[in-house]
Amino acid sequence: MSYYQKNRDAILQKRKSYYENNKEKILARESGYYKNEDGKKRKTINAWKRMGLVADDYEALYDLRKNAEKCWICEKAFQPDDKRCLDHDHETGKFRQILCYSCNVRDNWKNKVSK
């Protein structure tokens, strides 16, 4: 049995106590982190992994999405504040293309893939 397993309750209680005593400092540090570029990148990549997206290199995929110039389906150029979506196969989790939000919520990609 590992140290953690033997002392799990005490460790969890110590962590909880530390968090309660330092909550403001911890929250301030975390909120600042997720506002900078590296924090946004980590948060986005973790969300992709949680939703089942499968990729060989998540960092490269993040950069690809960030630098995409146009939607793969409608070919409309992205504006700086446009939402860029990762189209992926929901069965396998494999990434397909970068889409605008409008195309992502429609089934138009099926027509383009079958061409």
PDB file of N, CA and C in Angstrom:
ATOM      1  N   MET A   1       0.845  -1.172   0.000  1.00  0.00           N
ATOM      2  CA  MET A   1       0.000   0.000   0.000  1.00  0.00           C
ATOM      3  C   MET A   1       0.896   1.243   0.000  1.00  0.00           C
ATOM      4  N   SER A   2       0.563   2.217  -0.836  1.00  0.00           N
ATOM      5  CA  SER A   2       1.387   3.414  -0.961  1.00  0.00           C
ATOM      6  C   SER A   2       1.152   4.385   0.205  1.00  0.00           C
ATOM      7  N   TYR A   3       2.063   5.329   0.329  1.00  0.00           N
ATOM      8  CA  TYR A   3       1.961   6.342   1.373  1.00  0.00           C
ATOM      9  C   TYR A   3       0.640   7.098   1.239  1.00  0.00           C
ATOM     10  N   TYR A   4       0.307   7.476   0.002  1.00  0.00           N
ATOM     11  CA  TYR A   4      -0.926   8.231  -0.225  1.00  0.00           C
ATOM     12  C   TYR A   4      -2.141   7.426   0.223  1.00  0.00           C
ATOM     13  N   GLN A   5      -2.203   6.163  -0.164  1.00  0.00           N
ATOM     14  CA  GLN A   5      -3.353   5.325   0.205  1.00  0.00           C
ATOM     15  C   GLN A   5      -3.475   5.183   1.723  1.00  0.00           C
ATOM     16  N   LYS A   6      -2.339   5.049   2.403  1.00  0.00           N
ATOM     17  CA  LYS A   6      -2.367   4.900   3.857  1.00  0.00           C
ATOM     18  C   LYS A   6      -2.806   6.191   4.552  1.00  0.00           C
ATOM     19  N   ASN A   7      -2.433   7.323   3.976  1.00  0.00           N
ATOM     20  CA  ASN A   7      -2.664   8.610   4.625  1.00  0.00           C
ATOM     21  C   ASN A   7      -3.630   9.510   3.850  1.00  0.00           C
ATOM     22  N   ARG A   8      -4.448   8.914   3.024  1.00  0.00           N
ATOM     23  CA  ARG A   8      -5.324   9.671   2.123  1.00  0.00           C
ATOM     24  C   ARG A   8      -6.177  10.696   2.861  1.00  0.00           C
ATOM     25  N   ASP A   9      -6.866  10.287   3.890  1.00  0.00           N
ATOM     26  CA  ASP A   9      -7.770  11.200   4.603  1.00  0.00           C
ATOM     27  C   ASP A   9      -7.008  12.380   5.211  1.00  0.00           C
ATOM     28  N   ALA A  10      -5.869  12.118   5.801  1.00  0.00           N
ATOM     29  CA  ALA A  10      -5.077  13.193   6.407  1.00  0.00           C
ATOM     30  C   ALA A  10      -4.545  14.152   5.338  1.00  0.00           C
ATOM     31  N   ILE A  11      -4.117  13.615   4.200  1.00  0.00           N
ATOM     32  CA  ILE A  11      -3.609  14.440   3.112  1.00  0.00           C
ATOM     33  C   ILE A  11      -4.714  15.325   2.555  1.00  0.00           C
ATOM     34  N   LEU A  12      -5.882  14.739   2.328  1.00  0.00           N
ATOM     35  CA  LEU A  12      -7.004  15.514   1.799  1.00  0.00           C
ATOM     36  C   LEU A  12      -7.435  16.598   2.785  1.00  0.00           C
ATOM     37  N   GLN A  13      -7.448  16.286   4.049  1.00  0.00           N
ATOM     38  CA  GLN A  13      -7.815  17.276   5.063  1.00  0.00           C
ATOM     39  C   GLN A  13      -6.801  18.417   5.097  1.00  0.00           C
ATOM     40  N   LYS A  14      -5.521  18.085   4.975  1.00  0.00           N
ATOM     41  CA  LYS A  14      -4.470  19.105   4.970  1.00  0.00           C
ATOM     42  C   LYS A  14      -4.617  20.014   3.747  1.00  0.00           C
ATOM     43  N   ARG A  15      -4.896  19.436   2.593  1.00  0.00           N
ATOM     44  CA  ARG A  15      -5.104  20.229   1.365  1.00  0.00           C
ATOM     45  C   ARG A  15      -6.313  21.145   1.507  1.00  0.00           C
ATOM     46  N   LYS A  16      -7.394  20.593   2.056  1.00  0.00           N
ATOM     47  CA  LYS A  16      -8.615  21.379   2.246  1.00  0.00           C
ATOM     48  C   LYS A  16      -8.357  22.541   3.193  1.00  0.00           C
ATOM     49  N   SER A  17      -7.656  22.273   4.273  1.00  0.00           N
ATOM     50  CA  SER A  17      -7.339  23.306   5.252  1.00  0.00           C
ATOM     51  C   SER A  17      -6.457  24.392   4.624  1.00  0.00           C
ATOM     52  N   TYR A  18      -5.456  23.985   3.863  1.00  0.00           N
ATOM     53  CA  TYR A  18      -4.579  24.948   3.191  1.00  0.00           C
ATOM     54  C   TYR A  18      -5.391  25.824   2.248  1.00  0.00           C
ATOM     55  N   TYR A  19      -6.288  25.206   1.472  1.00  0.00           N
ATOM     56  CA  TYR A  19      -7.110  25.955   0.526  1.00  0.00           C
ATOM     57  C   TYR A  19      -7.986  26.971   1.269  1.00  0.00           C
ATOM     58  N   GLU A  20      -8.627  26.540   2.330  1.00  0.00           N
ATOM     59  CA  GLU A  20      -9.494  27.440   3.098  1.00  0.00           C
ATOM     60  C   GLU A  20      -8.706  28.617   3.678  1.00  0.00           C
ATOM     61  N   ASN A  21      -7.498  28.367   4.144  1.00  0.00           N
ATOM     62  CA  ASN A  21      -6.681  29.431   4.729  1.00  0.00           C
ATOM     63  C   ASN A  21      -6.045  30.355   3.691  1.00  0.00           C
ATOM     64  N   ASN A  22      -5.954  29.907   2.449  1.00  0.00           N
ATOM     65  CA  ASN A  22      -5.280  30.672   1.397  1.00  0.00           C
ATOM     66  C   ASN A  22      -6.151  30.882   0.161  1.00  0.00           C
ATOM     67  N   LYS A  23      -7.451  30.785   0.333  1.00  0.00           N
ATOM     68  CA  LYS A  23      -8.386  30.822  -0.786  1.00  0.00           C
ATOM     69  C   LYS A  23      -8.205  32.062  -1.662  1.00  0.00           C
ATOM     70  N   GLU A  24      -8.131  33.233  -1.073  1.00  0.00           N
ATOM     71  CA  GLU A  24      -8.026  34.472  -1.852  1.00  0.00           C
ATOM     72  C   GLU A  24      -6.745  34.504  -2.679  1.00  0.00           C
ATOM     73  N   LYS A  25      -5.649  34.110  -2.079  1.00  0.00           N
ATOM     74  CA  LYS A  25      -4.362  34.096  -2.779  1.00  0.00           C
ATOM     75  C   LYS A  25      -4.392  33.097  -3.939  1.00  0.00           C
ATOM     76  N   ILE A  26      -4.941  31.911  -3.693  1.00  0.00           N
ATOM     77  CA  ILE A  26      -5.016  30.875  -4.727  1.00  0.00           C
ATOM     78  C   ILE A  26      -5.897  31.325  -5.885  1.00  0.00           C
ATOM     79  N   LEU A  27      -7.072  31.860  -5.580  1.00  0.00           N
ATOM     80  CA  LEU A  27      -7.989  32.309  -6.629  1.00  0.00           C
ATOM     81  C   LEU A  27      -7.406  33.464  -7.430  1.00  0.00           C
ATOM     82  N   ALA A  28      -6.719  34.380  -6.767  1.00  0.00           N
ATOM     83  CA  ALA A  28      -6.094  35.496  -7.472  1.00  0.00           C
ATOM     84  C   ALA A  28      -5.022  34.987  -8.433  1.00  0.00           C
ATOM     85  N   ARG A  29      -4.210  34.031  -7.981  1.00  0.00           N
ATOM     86  CA  ARG A  29      -3.155  33.478  -8.825  1.00  0.00           C
ATOM     87  C   ARG A  29      -3.761  32.748 -10.026  1.00  0.00           C
ATOM     88  N   GLU A  30      -4.796  31.949  -9.789  1.00  0.00           N
ATOM     89  CA  GLU A  30      -5.411  31.189 -10.871  1.00  0.00           C
ATOM     90  C   GLU A  30      -6.117  32.085 -11.870  1.00  0.00           C
ATOM     91  N   SER A  31      -6.819  33.114 -11.390  1.00  0.00           N
ATOM     92  CA  SER A  31      -7.547  33.979 -12.320  1.00  0.00           C
ATOM     93  C   SER A  31      -6.574  34.745 -13.210  1.00  0.00           C
ATOM     94  N   GLY A  32      -5.450  35.150 -12.673  1.00  0.00           N
ATOM     95  CA  GLY A  32      -4.448  35.834 -13.478  1.00  0.00           C
ATOM     96  C   GLY A  32      -3.812  34.914 -14.496  1.00  0.00           C
ATOM     97  N   TYR A  33      -3.584  33.675 -14.106  1.00  0.00           N
ATOM     98  CA  TYR A  33      -2.954  32.707 -15.009  1.00  0.00           C
ATOM     99  C   TYR A  33      -3.813  32.464 -16.242  1.00  0.00           C
ATOM    100  N   TYR A  34      -5.094  32.292 -16.053  1.00  0.00           N
ATOM    101  CA  TYR A  34      -5.967  31.977 -17.182  1.00  0.00           C
ATOM    102  C   TYR A  34      -6.279  33.181 -18.052  1.00  0.00           C
ATOM    103  N   LYS A  35      -5.780  34.346 -17.688  1.00  0.00           N
ATOM    104  CA  LYS A  35      -5.947  35.524 -18.527  1.00  0.00           C
ATOM    105  C   LYS A  35      -4.759  35.725 -19.457  1.00  0.00           C
ATOM    106  N   ASN A  36      -3.620  35.113 -19.159  1.00  0.00           N
ATOM    107  CA  ASN A  36      -2.481  35.264 -20.063  1.00  0.00           C
ATOM    108  C   ASN A  36      -2.538  34.188 -21.150  1.00  0.00           C
ATOM    109  N   GLU A  37      -1.717  34.346 -22.170  1.00  0.00           N
ATOM    110  CA  GLU A  37      -1.786  33.462 -23.343  1.00  0.00           C
ATOM    111  C   GLU A  37      -1.517  32.002 -23.010  1.00  0.00           C
ATOM    112  N   ASP A  38      -0.522  31.739 -22.171  1.00  0.00           N
ATOM    113  CA  ASP A  38      -0.205  30.353 -21.824  1.00  0.00           C
ATOM    114  C   ASP A  38      -1.352  29.711 -21.046  1.00  0.00           C
ATOM    115  N   GLY A  39      -1.971  30.463 -20.162  1.00  0.00           N
ATOM    116  CA  GLY A  39      -3.100  29.947 -19.391  1.00  0.00           C
ATOM    117  C   GLY A  39      -4.299  29.644 -20.275  1.00  0.00           C
ATOM    118  N   LYS A  40      -4.573  30.532 -21.228  1.00  0.00           N
ATOM    119  CA  LYS A  40      -5.683  30.309 -22.162  1.00  0.00           C
ATOM    120  C   LYS A  40      -5.429  29.043 -22.987  1.00  0.00           C
ATOM    121  N   LYS A  41      -4.185  28.885 -23.407  1.00  0.00           N
ATOM    122  CA  LYS A  41      -3.816  27.706 -24.206  1.00  0.00           C
ATOM    123  C   LYS A  41      -4.030  26.424 -23.395  1.00  0.00           C
ATOM    124  N   ARG A  42      -3.532  26.384 -22.152  1.00  0.00           N
ATOM    125  CA  ARG A  42      -3.694  25.208 -21.286  1.00  0.00           C
ATOM    126  C   ARG A  42      -5.171  24.890 -21.062  1.00  0.00           C
ATOM    127  N   LYS A  43      -5.953  25.925 -20.774  1.00  0.00           N
ATOM    128  CA  LYS A  43      -7.374  25.744 -20.501  1.00  0.00           C
ATOM    129  C   LYS A  43      -8.088  25.182 -21.731  1.00  0.00           C
ATOM    130  N   THR A  44      -7.771  25.717 -22.903  1.00  0.00           N
ATOM    131  CA  THR A  44      -8.389  25.253 -24.146  1.00  0.00           C
ATOM    132  C   THR A  44      -8.009  23.810 -24.453  1.00  0.00           C
ATOM    133  N   ILE A  45      -6.738  23.484 -24.359  1.00  0.00           N
ATOM    134  CA  ILE A  45      -6.279  22.124 -24.654  1.00  0.00           C
ATOM    135  C   ILE A  45      -6.885  21.124 -23.676  1.00  0.00           C
ATOM    136  N   ASN A  46      -6.962  21.483 -22.400  1.00  0.00           N
ATOM    137  CA  ASN A  46      -7.591  20.587 -21.422  1.00  0.00           C
ATOM    138  C   ASN A  46      -9.063  20.369 -21.729  1.00  0.00           C
ATOM    139  N   ALA A  47      -9.752  21.400 -22.189  1.00  0.00           N
ATOM    140  CA  ALA A  47     -11.161  21.259 -22.566  1.00  0.00           C
ATOM    141  C   ALA A  47     -11.298  20.318 -23.764  1.00  0.00           C
ATOM    142  N   TRP A  48     -10.398  20.442 -24.740  1.00  0.00           N
ATOM    143  CA  TRP A  48     -10.434  19.541 -25.895  1.00  0.00           C
ATOM    144  C   TRP A  48     -10.265  18.094 -25.466  1.00  0.00           C
ATOM    145  N   LYS A  49      -9.339  17.860 -24.575  1.00  0.00           N
ATOM    146  CA  LYS A  49      -9.091  16.493 -24.100  1.00  0.00           C
ATOM    147  C   LYS A  49     -10.309  15.951 -23.355  1.00  0.00           C
ATOM    148  N   ARG A  50     -10.936  16.786 -22.517  1.00  0.00           N
ATOM    149  CA  ARG A  50     -12.121  16.349 -21.773  1.00  0.00           C
ATOM    150  C   ARG A  50     -13.277  16.001 -22.696  1.00  0.00           C
ATOM    151  N   MET A  51     -13.408  16.737 -23.810  1.00  0.00           N
ATOM    152  CA  MET A  51     -14.523  16.462 -24.720  1.00  0.00           C
ATOM    153  C   MET A  51     -14.208  15.337 -25.698  1.00  0.00           C
ATOM    154  N   GLY A  52     -13.012  14.770 -25.615  1.00  0.00           N
ATOM    155  CA  GLY A  52     -12.696  13.576 -26.394  1.00  0.00           C
ATOM    156  C   GLY A  52     -11.943  13.810 -27.682  1.00  0.00           C
ATOM    157  N   LEU A  53     -11.434  15.002 -27.905  1.00  0.00           N
ATOM    158  CA  LEU A  53     -10.667  15.276 -29.110  1.00  0.00           C
ATOM    159  C   LEU A  53      -9.348  14.519 -29.051  1.00  0.00           C
ATOM    160  N   VAL A  54      -9.028  13.817 -30.126  1.00  0.00           N
ATOM    161  CA  VAL A  54      -7.795  13.038 -30.202  1.00  0.00           C
ATOM    162  C   VAL A  54      -6.853  13.711 -31.194  1.00  0.00           C
ATOM    163  N   ALA A  55      -5.633  13.998 -30.749  1.00  0.00           N
ATOM    164  CA  ALA A  55      -4.637  14.634 -31.619  1.00  0.00           C
ATOM    165  C   ALA A  55      -3.249  14.153 -31.224  1.00  0.00           C
ATOM    166  N   ASP A  56      -2.343  14.149 -32.187  1.00  0.00           N
ATOM    167  CA  ASP A  56      -0.958  13.777 -31.910  1.00  0.00           C
ATOM    168  C   ASP A  56      -0.223  14.918 -31.211  1.00  0.00           C
ATOM    169  N   ASP A  57      -0.537  16.136 -31.597  1.00  0.00           N
ATOM    170  CA  ASP A  57       0.152  17.307 -31.041  1.00  0.00           C
ATOM    171  C   ASP A  57      -0.871  18.412 -30.778  1.00  0.00           C
ATOM    172  N   TYR A  58      -1.321  18.517 -29.537  1.00  0.00           N
ATOM    173  CA  TYR A  58      -2.335  19.507 -29.180  1.00  0.00           C
ATOM    174  C   TYR A  58      -1.798  20.933 -29.307  1.00  0.00           C
ATOM    175  N   GLU A  59      -0.520  21.118 -29.037  1.00  0.00           N
ATOM    176  CA  GLU A  59       0.085  22.454 -29.142  1.00  0.00           C
ATOM    177  C   GLU A  59       0.020  22.939 -30.595  1.00  0.00           C
ATOM    178  N   ALA A  60       0.377  22.073 -31.528  1.00  0.00           N
ATOM    179  CA  ALA A  60       0.336  22.437 -32.944  1.00  0.00           C
ATOM    180  C   ALA A  60      -1.102  22.692 -33.388  1.00  0.00           C
ATOM    181  N   LEU A  61      -2.030  21.900 -32.871  1.00  0.00           N
ATOM    182  CA  LEU A  61      -3.440  22.077 -33.206  1.00  0.00           C
ATOM    183  C   LEU A  61      -3.953  23.422 -32.686  1.00  0.00           C
ATOM    184  N   TYR A  62      -3.529  23.785 -31.483  1.00  0.00           N
ATOM    185  CA  TYR A  62      -3.917  25.081 -30.915  1.00  0.00           C
ATOM    186  C   TYR A  62      -3.404  26.211 -31.810  1.00  0.00           C
ATOM    187  N   ASP A  63      -2.146  26.110 -32.230  1.00  0.00           N
ATOM    188  CA  ASP A  63      -1.567  27.138 -33.101  1.00  0.00           C
ATOM    189  C   ASP A  63      -2.266  27.171 -34.454  1.00  0.00           C
ATOM    190  N   LEU A  64      -2.623  26.014 -34.981  1.00  0.00           N
ATOM    191  CA  LEU A  64      -3.344  25.940 -36.247  1.00  0.00           C
ATOM    192  C   LEU A  64      -4.688  26.657 -36.138  1.00  0.00           C
ATOM    193  N   ARG A  65      -5.412  26.395 -35.056  1.00  0.00           N
ATOM    194  CA  ARG A  65      -6.709  27.047 -34.857  1.00  0.00           C
ATOM    195  C   ARG A  65      -6.534  28.554 -34.687  1.00  0.00           C
ATOM    196  N   LYS A  66      -5.558  28.945 -33.906  1.00  0.00           N
ATOM    197  CA  LYS A  66      -5.332  30.362 -33.639  1.00  0.00           C
ATOM    198  C   LYS A  66      -4.970  31.122 -34.912  1.00  0.00           C
ATOM    199  N   ASN A  67      -4.222  30.496 -35.805  1.00  0.00           N
ATOM    200  CA  ASN A  67      -3.740  31.169 -37.013  1.00  0.00           C
ATOM    201  C   ASN A  67      -4.576  30.885 -38.258  1.00  0.00           C
ATOM    202  N   ALA A  68      -5.673  30.155 -38.107  1.00  0.00           N
ATOM    203  CA  ALA A  68      -6.525  29.857 -39.265  1.00  0.00           C
ATOM    204  C   ALA A  68      -7.050  31.154 -39.872  1.00  0.00           C
ATOM    205  N   GLU A  69      -7.006  31.227 -41.175  1.00  0.00           N
ATOM    206  CA  GLU A  69      -7.426  32.450 -41.859  1.00  0.00           C
ATOM    207  C   GLU A  69      -8.850  32.396 -42.362  1.00  0.00           C
ATOM    208  N   LYS A  70      -9.358  31.185 -42.657  1.00  0.00           N
ATOM    209  CA  LYS A  70     -10.726  31.084 -43.170  1.00  0.00           C
ATOM    210  C   LYS A  70     -11.350  29.754 -42.784  1.00  0.00           C
ATOM    211  N   CYS A  71     -12.669  29.721 -42.837  1.00  0.00           N
ATOM    212  CA  CYS A  71     -13.441  28.506 -42.538  1.00  0.00           C
ATOM    213  C   CYS A  71     -13.255  27.500 -43.667  1.00  0.00           C
ATOM    214  N   TRP A  72     -13.104  26.254 -43.304  1.00  0.00           N
ATOM    215  CA  TRP A  72     -12.892  25.196 -44.292  1.00  0.00           C
ATOM    216  C   TRP A  72     -14.121  24.979 -45.165  1.00  0.00           C
ATOM    217  N   ILE A  73     -15.331  25.210 -44.631  1.00  0.00           N
ATOM    218  CA  ILE A  73     -16.550  24.943 -45.389  1.00  0.00           C
ATOM    219  C   ILE A  73     -16.993  26.145 -46.210  1.00  0.00           C
ATOM    220  N   CYS A  74     -17.306  27.252 -45.545  1.00  0.00           N
ATOM    221  CA  CYS A  74     -17.841  28.405 -46.274  1.00  0.00           C
ATOM    222  C   CYS A  74     -16.733  29.292 -46.840  1.00  0.00           C
ATOM    223  N   GLU A  75     -15.494  29.071 -46.426  1.00  0.00           N
ATOM    224  CA  GLU A  75     -14.314  29.791 -46.890  1.00  0.00           C
ATOM    225  C   GLU A  75     -14.352  31.287 -46.586  1.00  0.00           C
ATOM    226  N   LYS A  76     -15.208  31.661 -45.627  1.00  0.00           N
ATOM    227  CA  LYS A  76     -15.276  33.056 -45.175  1.00  0.00           C
ATOM    228  C   LYS A  76     -14.040  33.334 -44.321  1.00  0.00           C
ATOM    229  N   ALA A  77     -13.427  34.493 -44.557  1.00  0.00           N
ATOM    230  CA  ALA A  77     -12.234  34.867 -43.785  1.00  0.00           C
ATOM    231  C   ALA A  77     -12.626  35.140 -42.337  1.00  0.00           C
ATOM    232  N   PHE A  78     -11.809  34.656 -41.412  1.00  0.00           N
ATOM    233  CA  PHE A  78     -12.055  34.903 -40.001  1.00  0.00           C
ATOM    234  C   PHE A  78     -11.699  36.338 -39.642  1.00  0.00           C
ATOM    235  N   GLN A  79     -12.540  36.956 -38.852  1.00  0.00           N
ATOM    236  CA  GLN A  79     -12.245  38.257 -38.259  1.00  0.00           C
ATOM    237  C   GLN A  79     -11.558  37.981 -36.922  1.00  0.00           C
ATOM    238  N   PRO A  80     -10.832  38.935 -36.375  1.00  0.00           N
ATOM    239  CA  PRO A  80     -10.092  38.682 -35.132  1.00  0.00           C
ATOM    240  C   PRO A  80     -10.940  38.130 -33.983  1.00  0.00           C
ATOM    241  N   ASP A  81     -12.188  38.567 -33.861  1.00  0.00           N
ATOM    242  CA  ASP A  81     -13.007  38.104 -32.743  1.00  0.00           C
ATOM    243  C   ASP A  81     -13.957  36.963 -33.101  1.00  0.00           C
ATOM    244  N   ASP A  82     -13.849  36.406 -34.306  1.00  0.00           N
ATOM    245  CA  ASP A  82     -14.693  35.266 -34.704  1.00  0.00           C
ATOM    246  C   ASP A  82     -14.291  34.014 -33.935  1.00  0.00           C
ATOM    247  N   LYS A  83     -15.281  33.202 -33.620  1.00  0.00           N
ATOM    248  CA  LYS A  83     -15.027  31.946 -32.917  1.00  0.00           C
ATOM    249  C   LYS A  83     -14.597  30.891 -33.934  1.00  0.00           C
ATOM    250  N   ARG A  84     -13.420  30.334 -33.712  1.00  0.00           N
ATOM    251  CA  ARG A  84     -12.916  29.265 -34.574  1.00  0.00           C
ATOM    252  C   ARG A  84     -13.168  27.938 -33.867  1.00  0.00           C
ATOM    253  N   CYS A  85     -13.800  27.000 -34.558  1.00  0.00           N
ATOM    254  CA  CYS A  85     -14.169  25.725 -33.947  1.00  0.00           C
ATOM    255  C   CYS A  85     -13.366  24.588 -34.566  1.00  0.00           C
ATOM    256  N   LEU A  86     -13.076  23.591 -33.752  1.00  0.00           N
ATOM    257  CA  LEU A  86     -12.404  22.393 -34.247  1.00  0.00           C
ATOM    258  C   LEU A  86     -13.464  21.369 -34.601  1.00  0.00           C
ATOM    259  N   ASP A  87     -13.563  21.052 -35.874  1.00  0.00           N
ATOM    260  CA  ASP A  87     -14.484  20.004 -36.291  1.00  0.00           C
ATOM    261  C   ASP A  87     -13.785  18.675 -36.064  1.00  0.00           C
ATOM    262  N   HIS A  88     -14.498  17.740 -35.441  1.00  0.00           N
ATOM    263  CA  HIS A  88     -13.909  16.423 -35.188  1.00  0.00           C
ATOM    264  C   HIS A  88     -14.991  15.354 -35.280  1.00  0.00           C
ATOM    265  N   ASP A  89     -14.558  14.142 -35.539  1.00  0.00           N
ATOM    266  CA  ASP A  89     -15.456  12.999 -35.601  1.00  0.00           C
ATOM    267  C   ASP A  89     -15.834  12.623 -34.170  1.00  0.00           C
ATOM    268  N   HIS A  90     -17.107  12.630 -33.863  1.00  0.00           N
ATOM    269  CA  HIS A  90     -17.542  12.369 -32.494  1.00  0.00           C
ATOM    270  C   HIS A  90     -17.417  10.897 -32.096  1.00  0.00           C
ATOM    271  N   GLU A  91     -17.253  10.027 -33.062  1.00  0.00           N
ATOM    272  CA  GLU A  91     -17.067   8.607 -32.740  1.00  0.00           C
ATOM    273  C   GLU A  91     -15.609   8.295 -32.421  1.00  0.00           C
ATOM    274  N   THR A  92     -14.691   8.822 -33.243  1.00  0.00           N
ATOM    275  CA  THR A  92     -13.276   8.516 -33.052  1.00  0.00           C
ATOM    276  C   THR A  92     -12.525   9.614 -32.303  1.00  0.00           C
ATOM    277  N   GLY A  93     -13.074  10.826 -32.293  1.00  0.00           N
ATOM    278  CA  GLY A  93     -12.407  11.950 -31.654  1.00  0.00           C
ATOM    279  C   GLY A  93     -11.361  12.608 -32.533  1.00  0.00           C
ATOM    280  N   LYS A  94     -11.180  12.121 -33.750  1.00  0.00           N
ATOM    281  CA  LYS A  94     -10.140  12.639 -34.642  1.00  0.00           C
ATOM    282  C   LYS A  94     -10.526  14.010 -35.208  1.00  0.00           C
ATOM    283  N   PHE A  95      -9.559  14.915 -35.196  1.00  0.00           N
ATOM    284  CA  PHE A  95      -9.710  16.267 -35.730  1.00  0.00           C
ATOM    285  C   PHE A  95      -9.858  16.211 -37.242  1.00  0.00           C
ATOM    286  N   ARG A  96     -10.748  17.082 -37.779  1.00  0.00           N
ATOM    287  CA  ARG A  96     -10.903  17.171 -39.236  1.00  0.00           C
ATOM    288  C   ARG A  96     -10.430  18.519 -39.764  1.00  0.00           C
ATOM    289  N   GLN A  97     -11.093  19.608 -39.370  1.00  0.00           N
ATOM    290  CA  GLN A  97     -10.758  20.926 -39.908  1.00  0.00           C
ATOM    291  C   GLN A  97     -11.158  22.032 -38.945  1.00  0.00           C
ATOM    292  N   ILE A  98     -10.764  23.266 -39.275  1.00  0.00           N
ATOM    293  CA  ILE A  98     -11.143  24.460 -38.526  1.00  0.00           C
ATOM    294  C   ILE A  98     -12.359  25.069 -39.223  1.00  0.00           C
ATOM    295  N   LEU A  99     -13.406  25.307 -38.439  1.00  0.00           N
ATOM    296  CA  LEU A  99     -14.642  25.866 -38.994  1.00  0.00           C
ATOM    297  C   LEU A  99     -15.051  27.122 -38.251  1.00  0.00           C
ATOM    298  N   CYS A 100     -15.883  27.933 -38.916  1.00  0.00           N
ATOM    299  CA  CYS A 100     -16.508  29.049 -38.207  1.00  0.00           C
ATOM    300  C   CYS A 100     -17.644  28.462 -37.361  1.00  0.00           C
ATOM    301  N   TYR A 101     -18.123  29.227 -36.415  1.00  0.00           N
ATOM    302  CA  TYR A 101     -19.163  28.728 -35.517  1.00  0.00           C
ATOM    303  C   TYR A 101     -20.422  28.322 -36.289  1.00  0.00           C
ATOM    304  N   SER A 102     -20.821  29.122 -37.277  1.00  0.00           N
ATOM    305  CA  SER A 102     -22.041  28.825 -38.043  1.00  0.00           C
ATOM    306  C   SER A 102     -21.956  27.477 -38.746  1.00  0.00           C
ATOM    307  N   CYS A 103     -20.842  27.230 -39.385  1.00  0.00           N
ATOM    308  CA  CYS A 103     -20.676  25.951 -40.095  1.00  0.00           C
ATOM    309  C   CYS A 103     -20.545  24.790 -39.118  1.00  0.00           C
ATOM    310  N   ASN A 104     -19.962  25.035 -37.964  1.00  0.00           N
ATOM    311  CA  ASN A 104     -19.783  23.975 -36.989  1.00  0.00           C
ATOM    312  C   ASN A 104     -21.111  23.463 -36.442  1.00  0.00           C
ATOM    313  N   VAL A 105     -22.094  24.336 -36.301  1.00  0.00           N
ATOM    314  CA  VAL A 105     -23.373  23.909 -35.738  1.00  0.00           C
ATOM    315  C   VAL A 105     -24.311  23.339 -36.796  1.00  0.00           C
ATOM    316  N   ARG A 106     -23.925  23.411 -38.051  1.00  0.00           N
ATOM    317  CA  ARG A 106     -24.693  22.801 -39.134  1.00  0.00           C
ATOM    318  C   ARG A 106     -24.016  21.512 -39.579  1.00  0.00           C
ATOM    319  N   ASP A 107     -24.692  20.752 -40.410  1.00  0.00           N
ATOM    320  CA  ASP A 107     -24.128  19.495 -40.908  1.00  0.00           C
ATOM    321  C   ASP A 107     -23.502  19.652 -42.292  1.00  0.00           C
ATOM    322  N   ASN A 108     -23.113  20.853 -42.670  1.00  0.00           N
ATOM    323  CA  ASN A 108     -22.552  21.085 -44.003  1.00  0.00           C
ATOM    324  C   ASN A 108     -21.266  20.328 -44.264  1.00  0.00           C
ATOM    325  N   TRP A 109     -20.513  20.017 -43.226  1.00  0.00           N
ATOM    326  CA  TRP A 109     -19.230  19.348 -43.433  1.00  0.00           C
ATOM    327  C   TRP A 109     -19.404  18.004 -44.115  1.00  0.00           C
ATOM    328  N   LYS A 110     -20.570  17.348 -43.897  1.00  0.00           N
ATOM    329  CA  LYS A 110     -20.784  16.033 -44.526  1.00  0.00           C
ATOM    330  C   LYS A 110     -20.758  16.149 -46.036  1.00  0.00           C
ATOM    331  N   ASN A 111     -21.336  17.229 -46.573  1.00  0.00           N
ATOM    332  CA  ASN A 111     -21.335  17.428 -48.021  1.00  0.00           C
ATOM    333  C   ASN A 111     -19.921  17.663 -48.546  1.00  0.00           C
ATOM    334  N   LYS A 112     -19.126  18.425 -47.826  1.00  0.00           N
ATOM    335  CA  LYS A 112     -17.766  18.740 -48.275  1.00  0.00           C
ATOM    336  C   LYS A 112     -16.870  17.502 -48.192  1.00  0.00           C
ATOM    337  N   VAL A 113     -17.019  16.688 -47.173  1.00  0.00           N
ATOM    338  CA  VAL A 113     -16.201  15.494 -47.000  1.00  0.00           C
ATOM    339  C   VAL A 113     -16.509  14.475 -48.096  1.00  0.00           C
ATOM    340  N   SER A 114     -17.774  14.384 -48.503  1.00  0.00           N
ATOM    341  CA  SER A 114     -18.161  13.374 -49.491  1.00  0.00           C
ATOM    342  C   SER A 114     -17.782  13.775 -50.915  1.00  0.00           C
ATOM    343  N   LYS A 115     -17.358  15.046 -51.122  1.00  0.00           N
ATOM    344  CA  LYS A 115     -16.986  15.504 -52.475  1.00  0.00           C
ATOM    345  C   LYS A 115     -15.673  14.912 -52.901  1.00  0.00           C
TER     346      LYS A 115
END
